[in-house]
Amino acid sequence: MVPPSSKSYRPVIDPSTGRPLGEVAVGTADDAARAVEAADAVAERWGTTPGHARARILRALADRLEQDREEMARTIASEVGKPIVDARVEVTRAVGVFRFAAEEIRHLTGETFPADAYELPDGNEHRLLFTVRDPIGVVVAIGPFNFPLNLLSHKVAPALAAGDPVVAKPTSAAPFTALRLAEHAKAAGLPDGVLNVVLGPGGTVGDALVEHPATRLVTFTGSTEVGTGIAARAARHAKRLILEMGGLDPFVVLDDSPLDLAAAHAARGAFSFSGQVCTASKRILVQESVADAFVSRYAERVRALRVGPALSEETQVGPVIDAGAVRRLEGLVADATGRDARLVTGGAPLRDRPGSYFAPTVLDRVPPNARIAQEEPFGPVSPVIRFADDDAAVRIANGTPFGLQASVYTNDLKRAFAMARRIRAGGVHINDPTTLRWDALPFGGIRLSGLGREGLRYAMGEMTEVKLVSVNFDPSA
């Protein structure tokens, strides 16, 4: 850790109560530069640390997180308003991410090539050709508020496994989670300088990290607007990127789908963590002939969701991150109803309690040009868009600049596979919600939803450089 030089402090607010949890120092561009330089100073040493030693540290870190699961979960719940039941799952997943990363070190391999298969240059029959993977160098990891531990772990773990030192800039909403992770990393044996956490706003700290000449890769999860800005700055310095940005993930219900199952999965996909998930089912596309029956089932499940503070064991939908999110959701609902969408349930802030709450909301007959059908809502508001046939469903699903994940519900697998091939997205799930993700497998979007892939082995590939090595074993021939 590089101690902040700033004398400025900001409160961290619990969105469940609106009350401060504590204060943290606000980092500066100078703090960011010092963190990068500290990482760069140990890059060669960490990059040449034997893989088995790196794996041992990662496993020890996973063990410490597992032992601290309850306190970590309570920290997450308090900082970002995630229901405590879901926060515990997040910690468990982060534990798995570090263990997967330790295992993947054994698979960070290159390739061999038959040199004599190539006519030129002369003498290839006396050469051996193979590739190795070298650490790329200092990795900047910029994390989001919605999964402040697991998504930061998806950046930190593969970088450390690949031999790269990391400078992490967590969301300003959840600094204590990131700082606790760094404490566990140090206690697990990670050398000084290999993981540095810098707190502060993206416009100063984040920009300084991206543009520092010693950083070689930026891995970011967050909004498309911020991500494309990072991409523009990184491109000027030829830095590699992994961007996981926004989405408007379509949840397609065909007329032969199991409606009860689809309604249950839609409620989970749309309202988990109050819809503040990049893979949330943000547009529910339903074939017209079954739309009335589906909406009735769906609204019944949504009305039954238990809204409450994050630390309550009974809570299924907690607060949104702040008052600004509440105001934005109000605007999206007003725009949709102004375009003749029908408000089925919810539709307004819950002002009978402290904190930032918005009622779980279902809107029916939302036109595809409504703002909520074109802008990521990132909140508990679910638009239902009706369509006539499969071609119309695909056209609407593909009718935004995004392409993260999608779901298709049907009892006809031939129909499902045909639609899965036509929908443009990084992942398509058949009879499962859009929120499905395997931490060890490739994950990411296309178009304005992302660049590159996360998932341990795939991220490690992005975080290493391929080097071709040739050996002339008979130079006198």
Protein backbone atom coordinates (compact mmCIF):
# COMPACT_ATOMS: atom_id res chain seq x y z
CA MET A 1 0.00 0.00 0.00
CA VAL A 2 1.12 3.55 -0.74
CA PRO A 3 -0.22 5.88 1.97
CA PRO A 4 -2.24 8.81 0.54
CA SER A 5 -0.68 12.25 0.64
CA SER A 6 -4.05 14.00 0.59
CA LYS A 7 -5.42 15.73 3.67
CA SER A 8 -8.91 15.69 2.15
CA TYR A 9 -11.46 13.14 3.38
CA ARG A 10 -14.87 12.05 2.16
CA PRO A 11 -17.65 10.11 3.90
CA VAL A 12 -18.72 6.63 2.81
CA ILE A 13 -22.53 6.44 2.93
CA ASP A 14 -24.64 3.39 3.71
CA PRO A 15 -27.41 3.47 1.05
CA SER A 16 -29.71 1.45 3.32
CA THR A 17 -29.79 4.21 5.94
CA GLY A 18 -28.32 7.32 4.33
CA ARG A 19 -25.87 7.51 7.26
CA PRO A 20 -22.06 7.62 6.99
CA LEU A 21 -20.07 4.47 7.71
CA GLY A 22 -16.78 6.34 8.06
CA GLU A 23 -14.35 8.47 6.11
CA VAL A 24 -11.50 7.77 3.70
CA ALA A 25 -8.73 9.94 2.35
CA VAL A 26 -9.24 11.20 -1.19
CA GLY A 27 -6.25 10.28 -3.32
CA THR A 28 -4.55 12.55 -5.83
CA ALA A 29 -2.83 12.18 -9.18
CA ASP A 30 0.49 12.18 -7.29
CA ASP A 31 -0.73 9.26 -5.17
CA ALA A 32 -1.63 7.40 -8.34
CA ALA A 33 1.82 8.01 -9.81
CA ARG A 34 3.53 6.81 -6.64
CA ALA A 35 1.43 3.64 -6.62
CA VAL A 36 2.33 2.85 -10.24
CA GLU A 37 6.00 3.50 -9.55
CA ALA A 38 5.91 1.21 -6.50
CA ALA A 39 4.38 -1.54 -8.65
CA ASP A 40 6.82 -0.97 -11.49
CA ALA A 41 9.76 -1.21 -9.08
CA VAL A 42 8.82 -4.80 -8.16
CA ALA A 43 7.54 -5.90 -11.58
CA GLU A 44 10.63 -7.87 -12.57
CA ARG A 45 10.94 -9.54 -9.17
CA TRP A 46 7.29 -10.55 -9.07
CA GLY A 47 7.30 -11.61 -12.71
CA THR A 48 10.18 -14.00 -12.07
CA THR A 49 8.76 -15.36 -8.82
CA PRO A 50 8.19 -19.10 -9.41
CA GLY A 51 4.64 -19.96 -10.32
CA HIS A 52 4.28 -22.35 -7.41
CA ALA A 53 5.20 -19.52 -5.00
CA ARG A 54 2.62 -17.19 -6.57
CA ALA A 55 0.03 -19.97 -6.35
CA ARG A 56 0.81 -20.53 -2.67
CA ILE A 57 0.15 -16.86 -1.90
CA LEU A 58 -3.09 -16.86 -3.88
CA ARG A 59 -4.35 -19.93 -2.06
CA ALA A 60 -3.44 -18.36 1.29
CA LEU A 61 -5.33 -15.22 0.30
CA ALA A 62 -8.37 -17.34 -0.64
CA ASP A 63 -8.20 -19.08 2.74
CA ARG A 64 -8.10 -15.76 4.58
CA LEU A 65 -11.11 -14.44 2.63
CA GLU A 66 -13.02 -17.62 3.41
CA GLN A 67 -12.27 -17.28 7.12
CA ASP A 68 -13.36 -13.62 7.01
CA ARG A 69 -16.48 -14.32 4.94
CA GLU A 70 -19.06 -12.92 7.31
CA GLU A 71 -17.24 -9.67 8.07
CA MET A 72 -16.42 -9.13 4.39
CA ALA A 73 -20.07 -9.74 3.48
CA ARG A 74 -21.28 -7.27 6.09
CA THR A 75 -18.83 -4.67 4.78
CA ILE A 76 -20.11 -5.15 1.22
CA ALA A 77 -23.75 -4.99 2.35
CA SER A 78 -23.16 -1.80 4.32
CA GLU A 79 -21.14 -0.01 1.63
CA VAL A 80 -23.29 -0.72 -1.44
CA GLY A 81 -26.65 -1.92 -0.09
CA LYS A 82 -26.36 -5.48 -1.37
CA PRO A 83 -28.62 -7.87 0.58
CA ILE A 84 -26.50 -9.76 3.09
CA VAL A 85 -27.52 -13.14 1.65
CA ASP A 86 -26.18 -12.07 -1.76
CA ALA A 87 -23.09 -10.45 -0.24
CA ARG A 88 -22.11 -13.77 1.32
CA VAL A 89 -22.38 -15.39 -2.11
CA GLU A 90 -20.12 -12.66 -3.52
CA VAL A 91 -17.41 -13.42 -0.96
CA THR A 92 -17.66 -17.14 -1.68
CA ARG A 93 -17.25 -16.47 -5.39
CA ALA A 94 -14.21 -14.27 -4.77
CA VAL A 95 -12.64 -17.08 -2.75
CA GLY A 96 -13.12 -19.34 -5.76
CA VAL A 97 -11.63 -16.76 -8.12
CA PHE A 98 -8.33 -16.71 -6.21
CA ARG A 99 -8.26 -20.50 -6.03
CA PHE A 100 -9.00 -20.81 -9.75
CA ALA A 101 -6.21 -18.31 -10.46
CA ALA A 102 -3.71 -20.34 -8.44
CA GLU A 103 -4.64 -23.45 -10.43
CA GLU A 104 -4.48 -21.68 -13.79
CA ILE A 105 -0.80 -20.83 -13.27
CA ARG A 106 -0.11 -24.45 -14.28
CA HIS A 107 -1.86 -23.89 -17.60
CA LEU A 108 -0.18 -20.62 -18.60
CA THR A 109 1.66 -22.33 -21.43
CA GLY A 110 2.93 -21.55 -24.90
CA GLU A 111 3.02 -23.57 -28.11
CA THR A 112 5.62 -25.47 -30.12
CA PHE A 113 5.89 -25.26 -33.91
CA PRO A 114 7.41 -27.62 -36.51
CA ALA A 115 10.16 -25.37 -37.85
CA ASP A 116 10.91 -27.67 -40.77
CA ALA A 117 7.40 -27.11 -42.11
CA TYR A 118 8.53 -23.64 -43.24
CA GLU A 119 10.72 -23.29 -46.34
CA LEU A 120 12.22 -19.96 -45.25
CA PRO A 121 14.44 -18.92 -43.61
CA ASP A 122 17.04 -21.52 -44.59
CA GLY A 123 18.08 -24.07 -42.02
CA ASN A 124 14.72 -24.61 -40.36
CA GLU A 125 15.39 -28.36 -40.14
CA HIS A 126 17.93 -27.49 -37.41
CA ARG A 127 15.66 -25.23 -35.37
CA LEU A 128 13.22 -25.60 -32.52
CA LEU A 129 10.43 -23.00 -32.26
CA PHE A 130 8.22 -22.36 -29.26
CA THR A 131 6.40 -19.56 -27.50
CA VAL A 132 6.37 -18.50 -23.86
CA ARG A 133 4.12 -16.06 -22.05
CA ASP A 134 5.77 -13.16 -20.24
CA PRO A 135 4.00 -10.91 -17.71
CA ILE A 136 2.78 -7.77 -19.41
CA GLY A 137 3.81 -5.43 -16.56
CA VAL A 138 1.84 -3.11 -14.32
CA VAL A 139 -1.91 -3.74 -14.49
CA VAL A 140 -4.42 -1.05 -13.52
CA ALA A 141 -7.62 -2.58 -12.12
CA ILE A 142 -10.64 -0.25 -11.91
CA GLY A 143 -13.61 -1.84 -10.17
CA PRO A 144 -17.36 -1.08 -9.94
CA PHE A 145 -19.64 -0.62 -6.95
CA ASN A 146 -22.05 -3.48 -7.64
CA PHE A 147 -19.58 -6.34 -6.98
CA PRO A 148 -16.87 -4.49 -5.08
CA LEU A 149 -15.05 -7.68 -4.06
CA ASN A 150 -15.73 -10.28 -6.75
CA LEU A 151 -15.27 -8.08 -9.80
CA LEU A 152 -12.15 -6.50 -8.34
CA SER A 153 -10.90 -10.03 -7.63
CA HIS A 154 -11.54 -10.92 -11.30
CA LYS A 155 -8.91 -8.32 -12.15
CA VAL A 156 -6.45 -8.71 -9.31
CA ALA A 157 -6.30 -12.53 -9.17
CA PRO A 158 -5.41 -13.26 -12.81
CA ALA A 159 -2.91 -10.40 -12.89
CA LEU A 160 -1.10 -11.69 -9.80
CA ALA A 161 -1.22 -15.24 -11.17
CA ALA A 162 0.29 -14.08 -14.46
CA GLY A 163 3.16 -12.33 -12.65
CA ASP A 164 1.89 -8.78 -13.02
CA PRO A 165 1.87 -6.24 -10.18
CA VAL A 166 -1.44 -4.41 -9.76
CA VAL A 167 -2.63 -0.92 -8.92
CA ALA A 168 -6.30 -1.15 -7.96
CA LYS A 169 -8.68 1.78 -7.97
CA PRO A 170 -11.91 0.58 -6.38
CA THR A 171 -15.19 2.41 -6.60
CA SER A 172 -15.43 5.36 -4.25
CA ALA A 173 -18.65 3.83 -2.90
CA ALA A 174 -16.89 0.76 -1.45
CA PRO A 175 -13.31 1.60 -0.41
CA PHE A 176 -13.37 -0.46 2.78
CA THR A 177 -13.97 -3.71 0.88
CA ALA A 178 -10.92 -3.12 -1.34
CA LEU A 179 -8.73 -2.07 1.58
CA ARG A 180 -9.70 -5.20 3.49
CA LEU A 181 -8.80 -7.32 0.45
CA ALA A 182 -5.37 -5.64 0.31
CA GLU A 183 -4.83 -6.34 4.01
CA HIS A 184 -5.57 -10.02 3.46
CA ALA A 185 -3.20 -10.09 0.47
CA LYS A 186 -0.36 -8.68 2.56
CA ALA A 187 -1.05 -11.09 5.42
CA ALA A 188 -1.07 -13.96 2.91
CA GLY A 189 2.52 -13.14 1.98
CA LEU A 190 2.18 -10.89 -1.06
CA PRO A 191 5.34 -8.75 -1.24
CA ASP A 192 5.15 -4.99 -0.75
CA GLY A 193 4.40 -3.08 -3.94
CA VAL A 194 2.77 -5.98 -5.79
CA LEU A 195 -0.77 -4.84 -4.94
CA ASN A 196 -1.43 -1.14 -4.33
CA VAL A 197 -4.84 0.41 -3.70
CA VAL A 198 -5.47 4.06 -4.58
CA LEU A 199 -8.73 5.74 -3.57
CA GLY A 200 -10.15 8.77 -5.29
CA PRO A 201 -12.23 10.04 -8.20
CA GLY A 202 -11.84 8.65 -11.68
CA GLY A 203 -11.30 12.09 -13.19
CA THR A 204 -8.02 12.54 -11.31
CA VAL A 205 -6.78 9.24 -9.89
CA GLY A 206 -8.21 7.04 -12.64
CA ASP A 207 -6.93 9.22 -15.47
CA ALA A 208 -3.47 9.40 -13.90
CA LEU A 209 -3.30 5.62 -13.61
CA VAL A 210 -4.40 5.06 -17.21
CA GLU A 211 -1.96 7.59 -18.64
CA HIS A 212 1.10 6.78 -16.54
CA PRO A 213 3.85 5.53 -18.90
CA ALA A 214 4.62 2.48 -16.72
CA THR A 215 1.13 0.95 -16.84
CA ARG A 216 0.73 -1.62 -19.59
CA LEU A 217 -2.85 -2.90 -19.25
CA VAL A 218 -6.08 -1.41 -17.92
CA THR A 219 -8.90 -3.70 -16.86
CA PHE A 220 -12.14 -1.88 -16.14
CA THR A 221 -15.73 -2.66 -15.20
CA GLY A 222 -18.26 0.15 -15.24
CA SER A 223 -20.33 2.34 -17.48
CA THR A 224 -19.87 2.52 -21.23
CA GLU A 225 -19.32 6.27 -21.05
CA VAL A 226 -16.39 5.93 -18.65
CA GLY A 227 -15.05 2.83 -20.40
CA THR A 228 -14.88 4.44 -23.83
CA GLY A 229 -13.11 7.43 -22.27
CA ILE A 230 -10.52 5.08 -20.77
CA ALA A 231 -10.14 3.37 -24.13
CA ALA A 232 -9.44 6.68 -25.88
CA ARG A 233 -6.76 7.64 -23.36
CA ALA A 234 -5.16 4.18 -23.32
CA ALA A 235 -5.07 4.00 -27.12
CA ARG A 236 -2.85 7.07 -27.28
CA HIS A 237 -0.20 5.06 -25.42
CA ALA A 238 -0.85 1.67 -27.09
CA LYS A 239 -1.99 0.08 -23.84
CA ARG A 240 -3.90 -3.15 -23.76
CA LEU A 241 -7.50 -3.12 -22.47
CA ILE A 242 -10.08 -5.39 -20.94
CA LEU A 243 -13.35 -3.46 -20.77
CA GLU A 244 -16.55 -4.81 -19.25
CA MET A 245 -19.10 -2.08 -19.80
CA GLY A 246 -22.85 -1.59 -19.93
CA GLY A 247 -25.58 -3.71 -21.36
CA LEU A 248 -29.29 -3.85 -22.17
CA ASP A 249 -29.51 -7.60 -21.91
CA PRO A 250 -32.67 -8.99 -23.58
CA PHE A 251 -34.68 -11.74 -21.89
CA VAL A 252 -36.73 -13.28 -24.73
CA VAL A 253 -39.91 -15.25 -23.91
CA LEU A 254 -41.23 -17.17 -26.93
CA ASP A 255 -44.81 -18.36 -27.22
CA ASP A 256 -43.93 -21.99 -26.42
CA SER A 257 -41.87 -21.20 -23.33
CA PRO A 258 -42.61 -22.50 -19.81
CA LEU A 259 -44.24 -19.29 -18.54
CA ASP A 260 -44.02 -19.99 -14.81
CA LEU A 261 -40.31 -20.76 -15.09
CA ALA A 262 -39.72 -17.74 -17.31
CA ALA A 263 -41.53 -15.41 -14.90
CA ALA A 264 -39.55 -16.72 -11.92
CA HIS A 265 -36.24 -16.38 -13.75
CA ALA A 266 -37.12 -12.93 -15.08
CA ALA A 267 -37.84 -11.69 -11.55
CA ARG A 268 -34.46 -13.01 -10.41
CA GLY A 269 -32.62 -11.72 -13.46
CA ALA A 270 -34.17 -8.26 -13.36
CA PHE A 271 -34.25 -7.54 -9.62
CA SER A 272 -31.21 -9.23 -8.06
CA PHE A 273 -29.24 -6.52 -6.26
CA SER A 274 -31.97 -4.08 -7.24
CA GLY A 275 -31.15 -4.52 -10.93
CA GLN A 276 -27.72 -2.95 -10.43
CA VAL A 277 -25.92 -5.69 -12.37
CA CYS A 278 -24.33 -5.35 -15.79
CA THR A 279 -25.89 -8.67 -16.83
CA ALA A 280 -29.33 -7.93 -15.35
CA SER A 281 -32.30 -8.86 -17.54
CA LYS A 282 -32.97 -5.26 -18.54
CA ARG A 283 -35.47 -5.77 -21.35
CA ILE A 284 -38.15 -8.47 -21.08
CA LEU A 285 -39.19 -9.31 -24.65
CA VAL A 286 -42.41 -11.35 -24.75
CA GLN A 287 -44.27 -12.77 -27.73
CA GLU A 288 -47.63 -11.03 -28.06
CA SER A 289 -49.75 -14.19 -27.92
CA VAL A 290 -48.55 -15.06 -24.39
CA ALA A 291 -47.75 -11.57 -23.13
CA ASP A 292 -50.86 -11.08 -20.98
CA ALA A 293 -50.38 -14.43 -19.25
CA PHE A 294 -46.67 -13.80 -18.71
CA VAL A 295 -47.08 -10.27 -17.37
CA SER A 296 -49.67 -11.45 -14.87
CA ARG A 297 -47.33 -14.14 -13.54
CA TYR A 298 -44.34 -11.81 -13.61
CA ALA A 299 -46.03 -8.96 -11.77
CA GLU A 300 -47.25 -11.36 -9.08
CA ARG A 301 -43.68 -12.47 -8.39
CA VAL A 302 -42.34 -8.92 -8.42
CA ARG A 303 -44.98 -7.71 -5.95
CA ALA A 304 -43.92 -10.51 -3.59
CA LEU A 305 -40.28 -9.39 -3.46
CA ARG A 306 -39.25 -8.25 0.02
CA VAL A 307 -37.69 -4.78 0.00
CA GLY A 308 -35.57 -3.75 2.95
CA PRO A 309 -32.17 -2.80 4.36
CA ALA A 310 -29.17 -4.77 3.18
CA LEU A 311 -28.27 -6.29 6.55
CA SER A 312 -31.71 -7.87 7.03
CA GLU A 313 -31.71 -11.61 6.37
CA GLU A 314 -35.20 -11.28 4.84
CA THR A 315 -34.32 -8.66 2.22
CA GLN A 316 -34.47 -9.66 -1.44
CA VAL A 317 -34.31 -6.15 -2.95
CA GLY A 318 -32.25 -3.53 -1.14
CA PRO A 319 -31.62 0.13 -1.87
CA VAL A 320 -30.06 1.57 -4.99
CA ILE A 321 -26.64 3.09 -4.62
CA ASP A 322 -27.62 6.73 -4.01
CA ALA A 323 -30.24 9.47 -4.39
CA GLY A 324 -29.02 10.27 -7.89
CA ALA A 325 -29.94 6.75 -9.02
CA VAL A 326 -33.44 7.23 -7.59
CA ARG A 327 -33.93 10.44 -9.57
CA ARG A 328 -32.71 8.80 -12.78
CA LEU A 329 -35.13 5.91 -12.36
CA GLU A 330 -38.01 8.34 -11.82
CA GLY A 331 -37.12 9.99 -15.11
CA LEU A 332 -37.01 6.68 -16.98
CA VAL A 333 -40.44 5.65 -15.67
CA ALA A 334 -41.92 9.05 -16.53
CA ASP A 335 -40.51 8.85 -20.05
CA ALA A 336 -41.94 5.35 -20.62
CA THR A 337 -45.41 6.15 -19.30
CA GLY A 338 -45.35 9.34 -21.36
CA ARG A 339 -44.93 7.08 -24.40
CA ASP A 340 -48.04 5.06 -23.43
CA ALA A 341 -46.28 2.28 -21.53
CA ARG A 342 -48.54 0.78 -18.85
CA LEU A 343 -47.38 0.86 -15.24
CA VAL A 344 -48.18 -2.59 -13.82
CA THR A 345 -46.61 -2.31 -10.37
CA GLY A 346 -44.25 -0.01 -8.49
CA GLY A 347 -43.10 3.07 -10.33
CA ALA A 348 -41.96 5.41 -7.56
CA PRO A 349 -39.34 5.92 -4.84
CA LEU A 350 -40.06 4.47 -1.40
CA ARG A 351 -39.88 7.55 0.81
CA ASP A 352 -41.30 5.93 3.94
CA ARG A 353 -37.83 4.95 5.12
CA PRO A 354 -34.30 6.36 5.21
CA GLY A 355 -31.90 5.48 2.43
CA SER A 356 -32.24 5.28 -1.36
CA TYR A 357 -35.07 2.92 -2.28
CA PHE A 358 -37.13 2.50 -5.44
CA ALA A 359 -40.13 0.18 -5.60
CA PRO A 360 -39.65 -2.90 -7.82
CA THR A 361 -41.35 -1.78 -11.01
CA VAL A 362 -42.84 -3.51 -14.05
CA LEU A 363 -43.82 -1.53 -17.14
CA ASP A 364 -45.78 -3.24 -19.93
CA ARG A 365 -46.15 -2.34 -23.62
CA VAL A 366 -42.95 -0.30 -23.54
CA PRO A 367 -42.08 0.95 -27.03
CA PRO A 368 -38.56 -0.01 -28.19
CA ASN A 369 -37.63 3.68 -28.56
CA ALA A 370 -38.39 4.54 -24.91
CA ARG A 371 -35.35 5.66 -22.93
CA ILE A 372 -35.53 2.63 -20.66
CA ALA A 373 -35.32 0.39 -23.74
CA GLN A 374 -32.24 2.26 -25.01
CA GLU A 375 -30.41 3.31 -21.81
CA GLU A 376 -29.13 0.99 -19.11
CA PRO A 377 -31.47 1.60 -16.13
CA PHE A 378 -29.25 -0.01 -13.45
CA GLY A 379 -32.12 -0.18 -11.03
CA PRO A 380 -35.26 -2.18 -10.13
CA VAL A 381 -37.33 -1.10 -13.15
CA SER A 382 -38.26 -3.77 -15.69
CA PRO A 383 -39.71 -2.90 -19.12
CA VAL A 384 -41.79 -5.51 -20.97
CA ILE A 385 -41.60 -5.13 -24.74
CA ARG A 386 -44.01 -7.14 -26.87
CA PHE A 387 -43.11 -8.65 -30.24
CA ALA A 388 -44.96 -10.47 -33.00
CA ASP A 389 -42.59 -13.21 -34.18
CA ASP A 390 -39.01 -14.51 -33.96
CA ASP A 391 -37.68 -12.05 -36.53
CA ALA A 392 -39.12 -9.14 -34.57
CA ALA A 393 -37.62 -10.51 -31.33
CA VAL A 394 -34.16 -10.67 -32.87
CA ARG A 395 -34.53 -7.20 -34.37
CA ILE A 396 -35.49 -5.71 -30.99
CA ALA A 397 -32.81 -7.70 -29.11
CA ASN A 398 -30.15 -6.38 -31.48
CA GLY A 399 -31.63 -2.89 -31.64
CA THR A 400 -29.22 -1.20 -29.21
CA PRO A 401 -25.47 -0.49 -29.36
CA PHE A 402 -24.86 -3.06 -26.61
CA GLY A 403 -24.24 -6.81 -26.63
CA LEU A 404 -23.38 -8.33 -23.26
CA GLN A 405 -25.67 -11.31 -22.53
CA ALA A 406 -29.09 -12.55 -23.60
CA SER A 407 -31.61 -15.22 -22.64
CA VAL A 408 -34.09 -17.18 -24.75
CA TYR A 409 -36.96 -19.15 -23.19
CA THR A 410 -38.61 -21.86 -25.25
CA ASN A 411 -39.36 -25.60 -25.21
CA ASP A 412 -38.10 -25.90 -28.80
CA LEU A 413 -34.30 -26.25 -28.82
CA LYS A 414 -34.09 -25.96 -32.60
CA ARG A 415 -35.82 -22.60 -32.35
CA ALA A 416 -33.63 -21.60 -29.41
CA PHE A 417 -30.37 -22.42 -31.21
CA ALA A 418 -31.50 -20.52 -34.29
CA MET A 419 -32.23 -17.45 -32.20
CA ALA A 420 -28.99 -17.80 -30.20
CA ARG A 421 -27.00 -17.65 -33.43
CA ARG A 422 -28.78 -14.49 -34.56
CA ILE A 423 -28.61 -12.50 -31.30
CA ARG A 424 -25.43 -10.43 -31.12
CA ALA A 425 -24.04 -10.80 -27.60
CA GLY A 426 -21.05 -12.14 -25.70
CA GLY A 427 -23.19 -14.90 -24.19
CA VAL A 428 -26.64 -16.39 -24.82
CA HIS A 429 -28.39 -18.57 -22.22
CA ILE A 430 -31.26 -20.86 -23.13
CA ASN A 431 -33.88 -21.22 -20.38
CA ASP A 432 -31.58 -19.49 -17.88
CA PRO A 433 -31.44 -15.81 -16.89
CA THR A 434 -28.97 -13.31 -18.34
CA THR A 435 -27.18 -13.02 -14.98
CA LEU A 436 -25.64 -16.48 -15.34
CA ARG A 437 -21.82 -16.43 -15.16
CA TRP A 438 -19.08 -18.99 -14.54
CA ASP A 439 -16.07 -17.36 -12.92
CA ALA A 440 -13.53 -19.58 -14.69
CA LEU A 441 -15.06 -19.32 -18.18
CA PRO A 442 -14.88 -16.55 -20.80
CA PHE A 443 -17.07 -13.56 -20.04
CA GLY A 444 -17.47 -10.25 -21.83
CA GLY A 445 -19.47 -8.31 -24.36
CA ILE A 446 -19.34 -7.01 -27.90
CA ARG A 447 -19.85 -3.56 -29.37
CA LEU A 448 -20.35 -0.97 -26.59
CA SER A 449 -20.61 -3.70 -23.96
CA GLY A 450 -16.95 -4.54 -23.89
CA LEU A 451 -13.56 -5.42 -25.24
CA GLY A 452 -11.54 -8.52 -24.37
CA ARG A 453 -12.62 -11.30 -22.04
CA GLU A 454 -12.59 -11.97 -18.33
CA GLY A 455 -12.61 -15.48 -16.84
CA LEU A 456 -9.38 -16.62 -15.23
CA ARG A 457 -7.56 -18.36 -18.08
CA TYR A 458 -8.79 -15.86 -20.64
CA ALA A 459 -7.87 -12.82 -18.54
CA MET A 460 -4.40 -14.27 -17.91
CA GLY A 461 -3.97 -14.61 -21.66
CA GLU A 462 -4.79 -10.92 -22.06
CA MET A 463 -2.40 -10.03 -19.22
CA THR A 464 0.64 -11.73 -20.76
CA GLU A 465 2.77 -11.13 -23.85
CA VAL A 466 3.49 -13.94 -26.32
CA LYS A 467 7.20 -14.30 -27.05
CA LEU A 468 8.54 -16.53 -29.85
CA VAL A 469 11.81 -18.30 -29.02
CA SER A 470 13.91 -20.01 -31.69
CA VAL A 471 16.78 -22.39 -30.96
CA ASN A 472 19.29 -23.38 -33.63
CA PHE A 473 20.53 -26.66 -32.24
CA ASP A 474 23.03 -27.24 -35.08
CA PRO A 475 24.35 -23.77 -36.06
CA SER A 476 27.32 -25.24 -37.95
CA ALA A 477 25.16 -27.21 -40.37
